[in-house]
Amino acid sequence: MTEMEDLIQLFKTCQQAMIDQNTEQIEKILSHEMQLIHMTGYLQSKEEWLSDIANGQMRYYSAKNKAIQELSLNEHQAQLTTLDYVRASIWGSPAQTWPLKTQVSFEKINGQWLISKQVASTF
């Protein structure tokens, strides 16, 4: 597997862990300072996001990839832009399928790629 394929797989692993509510798995693949910017513009810390997943405030049911729009890579940083249909219930809303464009930033820390930032918007 190429390094680019590894990064795509890392993002897919994160998505599956979100669906499984496996916050321990998610914790392992996020940098300590990871931030999530929601489509509303809300900036959420890693700790708050993991807590919301664990307590069901953010419940993910499925994620189906439509396209990988962009992937750029250098020695210590990478960017991935992906289009996915994500079915979720967020902060008490009824479950619905969102067409999400996610810009994912990765950092290589101690030889391991970690997700350092995610910015979600709709497409």
N, C-alpha and C. Protein backbone atom coordinates (compact mmCIF):
# COMPACT_ATOMS: atom_id res chain seq x y z
N MET A 1 0.85 -1.18 0.00
CA MET A 1 0.00 0.00 0.00
C MET A 1 0.90 1.24 0.00
N THR A 2 0.55 2.22 -0.82
CA THR A 2 1.31 3.46 -0.84
C THR A 2 0.96 4.31 0.37
N GLU A 3 1.77 5.32 0.63
CA GLU A 3 1.50 6.22 1.74
C GLU A 3 0.17 6.95 1.54
N MET A 4 -0.14 7.31 0.32
CA MET A 4 -1.43 7.96 0.04
C MET A 4 -2.59 7.02 0.35
N GLU A 5 -2.46 5.77 -0.05
CA GLU A 5 -3.51 4.78 0.25
C GLU A 5 -3.63 4.58 1.76
N ASP A 6 -2.51 4.63 2.46
CA ASP A 6 -2.53 4.51 3.93
C ASP A 6 -3.34 5.65 4.56
N LEU A 7 -3.18 6.86 4.03
CA LEU A 7 -3.91 8.01 4.58
C LEU A 7 -5.40 7.89 4.33
N ILE A 8 -5.77 7.46 3.14
CA ILE A 8 -7.19 7.24 2.84
C ILE A 8 -7.76 6.18 3.78
N GLN A 9 -7.01 5.11 3.99
CA GLN A 9 -7.45 4.04 4.88
C GLN A 9 -7.56 4.54 6.32
N LEU A 10 -6.65 5.40 6.74
CA LEU A 10 -6.71 5.96 8.09
C LEU A 10 -8.00 6.75 8.29
N PHE A 11 -8.38 7.54 7.29
CA PHE A 11 -9.63 8.29 7.38
C PHE A 11 -10.83 7.34 7.42
N LYS A 12 -10.81 6.29 6.60
CA LYS A 12 -11.90 5.31 6.60
C LYS A 12 -11.98 4.58 7.94
N THR A 13 -10.82 4.31 8.54
CA THR A 13 -10.79 3.68 9.87
C THR A 13 -11.44 4.60 10.89
N CYS A 14 -11.18 5.89 10.79
CA CYS A 14 -11.80 6.86 11.70
C CYS A 14 -13.31 6.87 11.51
N GLN A 15 -13.76 6.87 10.25
CA GLN A 15 -15.20 6.86 9.99
C GLN A 15 -15.86 5.61 10.57
N GLN A 16 -15.24 4.45 10.39
CA GLN A 16 -15.84 3.22 10.91
C GLN A 16 -15.86 3.24 12.43
N ALA A 17 -14.82 3.76 13.05
CA ALA A 17 -14.79 3.86 14.51
C ALA A 17 -15.88 4.82 15.01
N MET A 18 -16.16 5.88 14.25
CA MET A 18 -17.26 6.78 14.60
C MET A 18 -18.58 6.03 14.58
N ILE A 19 -18.80 5.23 13.56
CA ILE A 19 -20.03 4.44 13.44
C ILE A 19 -20.14 3.44 14.58
N ASP A 20 -19.01 2.83 14.93
CA ASP A 20 -18.97 1.83 16.00
C ASP A 20 -18.95 2.45 17.39
N GLN A 21 -18.90 3.77 17.48
CA GLN A 21 -18.74 4.50 18.74
C GLN A 21 -17.50 4.02 19.50
N ASN A 22 -16.45 3.70 18.76
CA ASN A 22 -15.21 3.19 19.33
C ASN A 22 -14.25 4.36 19.55
N THR A 23 -14.47 5.07 20.65
CA THR A 23 -13.66 6.25 20.92
C THR A 23 -12.21 5.90 21.22
N GLU A 24 -11.95 4.70 21.72
CA GLU A 24 -10.56 4.29 21.96
C GLU A 24 -9.81 4.21 20.64
N GLN A 25 -10.43 3.65 19.61
CA GLN A 25 -9.80 3.56 18.29
C GLN A 25 -9.60 4.96 17.70
N ILE A 26 -10.62 5.81 17.82
CA ILE A 26 -10.50 7.17 17.29
C ILE A 26 -9.35 7.90 17.98
N GLU A 27 -9.27 7.76 19.29
CA GLU A 27 -8.21 8.41 20.08
C GLU A 27 -6.82 8.09 19.54
N LYS A 28 -6.63 6.86 19.10
CA LYS A 28 -5.32 6.41 18.62
C LYS A 28 -4.91 7.04 17.30
N ILE A 29 -5.87 7.52 16.52
CA ILE A 29 -5.53 8.02 15.19
C ILE A 29 -5.69 9.54 15.05
N LEU A 30 -5.97 10.21 16.17
CA LEU A 30 -6.06 11.67 16.18
C LEU A 30 -4.87 12.25 16.93
N SER A 31 -4.35 13.36 16.44
CA SER A 31 -3.30 14.05 17.19
C SER A 31 -3.91 14.62 18.46
N HIS A 32 -3.05 14.92 19.42
CA HIS A 32 -3.52 15.45 20.70
C HIS A 32 -4.31 16.74 20.52
N GLU A 33 -3.89 17.57 19.57
CA GLU A 33 -4.52 18.88 19.37
C GLU A 33 -5.59 18.88 18.29
N MET A 34 -6.02 17.72 17.82
CA MET A 34 -6.98 17.65 16.71
C MET A 34 -8.20 18.54 16.98
N GLN A 35 -8.63 19.23 15.93
CA GLN A 35 -9.83 20.06 16.00
C GLN A 35 -10.76 19.66 14.87
N LEU A 36 -12.04 19.74 15.15
CA LEU A 36 -13.08 19.48 14.16
C LEU A 36 -13.89 20.75 13.99
N ILE A 37 -13.99 21.21 12.76
CA ILE A 37 -14.82 22.37 12.46
C ILE A 37 -16.05 21.85 11.72
N HIS A 38 -17.20 21.99 12.36
CA HIS A 38 -18.45 21.49 11.80
C HIS A 38 -18.94 22.38 10.66
N MET A 39 -19.90 21.89 9.90
CA MET A 39 -20.44 22.66 8.78
C MET A 39 -21.11 23.94 9.26
N THR A 40 -21.46 24.01 10.54
CA THR A 40 -22.03 25.23 11.12
C THR A 40 -20.96 26.25 11.46
N GLY A 41 -19.69 25.83 11.40
CA GLY A 41 -18.58 26.69 11.80
C GLY A 41 -18.13 26.47 13.23
N TYR A 42 -18.87 25.62 13.96
CA TYR A 42 -18.52 25.35 15.35
C TYR A 42 -17.19 24.61 15.43
N LEU A 43 -16.27 25.12 16.24
CA LEU A 43 -14.96 24.52 16.45
C LEU A 43 -15.04 23.62 17.69
N GLN A 44 -14.79 22.34 17.48
CA GLN A 44 -14.91 21.37 18.57
C GLN A 44 -13.55 20.72 18.84
N SER A 45 -13.20 20.65 20.11
CA SER A 45 -11.94 20.01 20.49
C SER A 45 -12.07 18.49 20.37
N LYS A 46 -10.95 17.84 20.31
CA LYS A 46 -10.91 16.38 20.28
C LYS A 46 -11.65 15.80 21.48
N GLU A 47 -11.38 16.33 22.67
CA GLU A 47 -11.98 15.79 23.89
C GLU A 47 -13.50 15.92 23.87
N GLU A 48 -14.00 17.08 23.44
CA GLU A 48 -15.45 17.28 23.40
C GLU A 48 -16.09 16.36 22.36
N TRP A 49 -15.45 16.22 21.19
CA TRP A 49 -15.99 15.37 20.13
C TRP A 49 -16.06 13.92 20.59
N LEU A 50 -14.98 13.42 21.19
CA LEU A 50 -14.99 12.03 21.66
C LEU A 50 -16.04 11.82 22.74
N SER A 51 -16.21 12.80 23.62
CA SER A 51 -17.24 12.71 24.65
C SER A 51 -18.64 12.67 24.03
N ASP A 52 -18.88 13.51 23.02
CA ASP A 52 -20.18 13.52 22.34
C ASP A 52 -20.46 12.20 21.63
N ILE A 53 -19.44 11.57 21.07
CA ILE A 53 -19.61 10.26 20.44
C ILE A 53 -19.92 9.22 21.51
N ALA A 54 -19.16 9.23 22.60
CA ALA A 54 -19.32 8.24 23.66
C ALA A 54 -20.70 8.32 24.32
N ASN A 55 -21.22 9.54 24.52
CA ASN A 55 -22.50 9.66 25.21
C ASN A 55 -23.70 9.71 24.25
N GLY A 56 -23.45 9.52 22.96
CA GLY A 56 -24.54 9.44 21.99
C GLY A 56 -25.05 10.77 21.49
N GLN A 57 -24.45 11.89 21.92
CA GLN A 57 -24.88 13.19 21.40
C GLN A 57 -24.57 13.33 19.91
N MET A 58 -23.54 12.62 19.48
CA MET A 58 -23.21 12.53 18.06
C MET A 58 -23.21 11.05 17.72
N ARG A 59 -24.22 10.63 16.99
CA ARG A 59 -24.37 9.21 16.64
C ARG A 59 -24.26 9.08 15.13
N TYR A 60 -23.26 8.34 14.70
CA TYR A 60 -23.01 8.12 13.28
C TYR A 60 -23.49 6.72 12.91
N TYR A 61 -24.22 6.60 11.80
CA TYR A 61 -24.80 5.32 11.39
C TYR A 61 -24.14 4.73 10.15
N SER A 62 -23.70 5.58 9.24
CA SER A 62 -23.05 5.07 8.03
C SER A 62 -22.27 6.19 7.36
N ALA A 63 -21.32 5.78 6.53
CA ALA A 63 -20.54 6.73 5.72
C ALA A 63 -20.23 6.04 4.40
N LYS A 64 -20.70 6.64 3.32
CA LYS A 64 -20.47 6.07 1.99
C LYS A 64 -19.69 7.09 1.16
N ASN A 65 -18.52 6.68 0.70
CA ASN A 65 -17.67 7.59 -0.06
C ASN A 65 -18.20 7.78 -1.47
N LYS A 66 -18.27 9.04 -1.90
CA LYS A 66 -18.62 9.37 -3.28
C LYS A 66 -17.36 9.60 -4.10
N ALA A 67 -16.40 10.34 -3.52
CA ALA A 67 -15.19 10.67 -4.27
C ALA A 67 -14.10 11.17 -3.35
N ILE A 68 -12.87 10.91 -3.76
CA ILE A 68 -11.71 11.56 -3.18
C ILE A 68 -11.38 12.70 -4.14
N GLN A 69 -11.49 13.93 -3.66
CA GLN A 69 -11.27 15.08 -4.54
C GLN A 69 -9.81 15.46 -4.64
N GLU A 70 -9.11 15.34 -3.55
CA GLU A 70 -7.74 15.84 -3.55
C GLU A 70 -6.95 15.12 -2.47
N LEU A 71 -5.71 14.84 -2.77
CA LEU A 71 -4.79 14.29 -1.78
C LEU A 71 -3.41 14.85 -2.08
N SER A 72 -2.85 15.56 -1.13
CA SER A 72 -1.50 16.08 -1.29
C SER A 72 -0.68 15.62 -0.09
N LEU A 73 0.60 15.43 -0.34
CA LEU A 73 1.45 14.79 0.65
C LEU A 73 2.86 15.34 0.56
N ASN A 74 3.44 15.65 1.72
CA ASN A 74 4.87 15.90 1.78
C ASN A 74 5.42 15.06 2.93
N GLU A 75 6.62 15.32 3.35
CA GLU A 75 7.28 14.45 4.32
C GLU A 75 6.56 14.35 5.66
N HIS A 76 6.00 15.47 6.15
CA HIS A 76 5.41 15.47 7.49
C HIS A 76 3.95 15.91 7.55
N GLN A 77 3.37 16.31 6.43
CA GLN A 77 1.98 16.77 6.42
C GLN A 77 1.29 16.26 5.17
N ALA A 78 -0.03 16.11 5.29
CA ALA A 78 -0.83 15.69 4.14
C ALA A 78 -2.21 16.29 4.26
N GLN A 79 -2.89 16.42 3.13
CA GLN A 79 -4.25 16.93 3.06
C GLN A 79 -5.09 15.98 2.21
N LEU A 80 -6.28 15.71 2.67
CA LEU A 80 -7.23 14.88 1.94
C LEU A 80 -8.56 15.61 1.90
N THR A 81 -9.16 15.70 0.73
CA THR A 81 -10.52 16.23 0.61
C THR A 81 -11.38 15.12 0.05
N THR A 82 -12.44 14.80 0.79
CA THR A 82 -13.28 13.67 0.43
C THR A 82 -14.75 14.07 0.46
N LEU A 83 -15.54 13.47 -0.42
CA LEU A 83 -16.99 13.67 -0.44
C LEU A 83 -17.63 12.38 0.01
N ASP A 84 -18.47 12.47 1.04
CA ASP A 84 -19.11 11.29 1.61
C ASP A 84 -20.56 11.59 1.94
N TYR A 85 -21.37 10.56 1.91
CA TYR A 85 -22.74 10.64 2.42
C TYR A 85 -22.71 10.03 3.81
N VAL A 86 -22.91 10.86 4.84
CA VAL A 86 -22.81 10.42 6.22
C VAL A 86 -24.18 10.50 6.87
N ARG A 87 -24.65 9.37 7.37
CA ARG A 87 -25.93 9.34 8.10
C ARG A 87 -25.62 9.49 9.58
N ALA A 88 -26.23 10.51 10.19
CA ALA A 88 -25.92 10.81 11.58
C ALA A 88 -27.07 11.53 12.26
N SER A 89 -27.06 11.43 13.57
CA SER A 89 -27.93 12.22 14.43
C SER A 89 -27.00 13.07 15.30
N ILE A 90 -27.09 14.37 15.17
CA ILE A 90 -26.16 15.27 15.84
C ILE A 90 -26.91 16.12 16.87
N TRP A 91 -26.48 16.03 18.11
CA TRP A 91 -27.03 16.81 19.22
C TRP A 91 -28.55 16.76 19.27
N GLY A 92 -29.09 15.55 19.16
CA GLY A 92 -30.53 15.35 19.32
C GLY A 92 -31.36 15.51 18.07
N SER A 93 -30.75 15.86 16.96
CA SER A 93 -31.51 16.00 15.72
C SER A 93 -31.91 14.62 15.21
N PRO A 94 -33.00 14.54 14.44
CA PRO A 94 -33.34 13.25 13.82
C PRO A 94 -32.22 12.81 12.88
N ALA A 95 -32.02 11.51 12.78
CA ALA A 95 -30.99 10.99 11.88
C ALA A 95 -31.31 11.40 10.45
N GLN A 96 -30.29 11.85 9.75
CA GLN A 96 -30.44 12.17 8.34
C GLN A 96 -29.11 11.95 7.65
N THR A 97 -29.15 11.88 6.33
CA THR A 97 -27.94 11.67 5.55
C THR A 97 -27.44 13.02 5.05
N TRP A 98 -26.19 13.32 5.38
CA TRP A 98 -25.57 14.59 5.03
C TRP A 98 -24.57 14.37 3.90
N PRO A 99 -24.61 15.18 2.85
CA PRO A 99 -23.55 15.14 1.83
C PRO A 99 -22.38 15.99 2.33
N LEU A 100 -21.37 15.34 2.89
CA LEU A 100 -20.28 16.07 3.54
C LEU A 100 -19.01 16.10 2.70
N LYS A 101 -18.49 17.29 2.57
CA LYS A 101 -17.14 17.49 2.03
C LYS A 101 -16.25 17.68 3.26
N THR A 102 -15.29 16.80 3.42
CA THR A 102 -14.42 16.88 4.59
C THR A 102 -12.98 17.12 4.13
N GLN A 103 -12.41 18.17 4.66
CA GLN A 103 -11.00 18.46 4.42
C GLN A 103 -10.25 17.96 5.65
N VAL A 104 -9.41 16.96 5.43
CA VAL A 104 -8.71 16.30 6.52
C VAL A 104 -7.23 16.65 6.44
N SER A 105 -6.68 17.11 7.55
CA SER A 105 -5.25 17.38 7.64
C SER A 105 -4.60 16.28 8.47
N PHE A 106 -3.45 15.82 8.01
CA PHE A 106 -2.69 14.79 8.70
C PHE A 106 -1.32 15.35 9.06
N GLU A 107 -0.77 14.86 10.17
CA GLU A 107 0.60 15.17 10.55
C GLU A 107 1.32 13.87 10.85
N LYS A 108 2.57 13.79 10.44
CA LYS A 108 3.38 12.63 10.77
C LYS A 108 4.12 12.96 12.06
N ILE A 109 3.78 12.25 13.13
CA ILE A 109 4.35 12.49 14.45
C ILE A 109 5.04 11.21 14.90
N ASN A 110 6.33 11.31 15.17
CA ASN A 110 7.13 10.14 15.56
C ASN A 110 6.95 8.98 14.59
N GLY A 111 6.92 9.31 13.30
CA GLY A 111 6.83 8.29 12.26
C GLY A 111 5.44 7.75 12.00
N GLN A 112 4.42 8.28 12.69
CA GLN A 112 3.05 7.79 12.53
C GLN A 112 2.14 8.91 12.03
N TRP A 113 1.34 8.62 11.00
CA TRP A 113 0.37 9.59 10.50
C TRP A 113 -0.81 9.65 11.46
N LEU A 114 -1.19 10.88 11.83
CA LEU A 114 -2.35 11.13 12.68
C LEU A 114 -3.21 12.22 12.04
N ILE A 115 -4.50 12.15 12.29
CA ILE A 115 -5.42 13.19 11.82
C ILE A 115 -5.29 14.37 12.78
N SER A 116 -5.00 15.56 12.23
CA SER A 116 -4.78 16.74 13.08
C SER A 116 -5.91 17.77 12.99
N LYS A 117 -6.70 17.70 11.93
CA LYS A 117 -7.80 18.66 11.77
C LYS A 117 -8.79 18.11 10.75
N GLN A 118 -10.08 18.38 10.99
CA GLN A 118 -11.12 18.04 10.03
C GLN A 118 -12.05 19.24 9.90
N VAL A 119 -12.33 19.61 8.66
CA VAL A 119 -13.25 20.71 8.39
C VAL A 119 -14.37 20.15 7.52
N ALA A 120 -15.59 20.18 8.05
CA ALA A 120 -16.74 19.61 7.35
C ALA A 120 -17.63 20.71 6.79
N SER A 121 -18.08 20.50 5.57
CA SER A 121 -19.07 21.37 4.94
C SER A 121 -19.93 20.47 4.06
N THR A 122 -20.99 21.03 3.51
CA THR A 122 -21.82 20.22 2.62
C THR A 122 -21.41 20.46 1.17
N PHE A 123 -21.77 19.51 0.32
CA PHE A 123 -21.53 19.69 -1.12
C PHE A 123 -22.82 19.52 -1.86
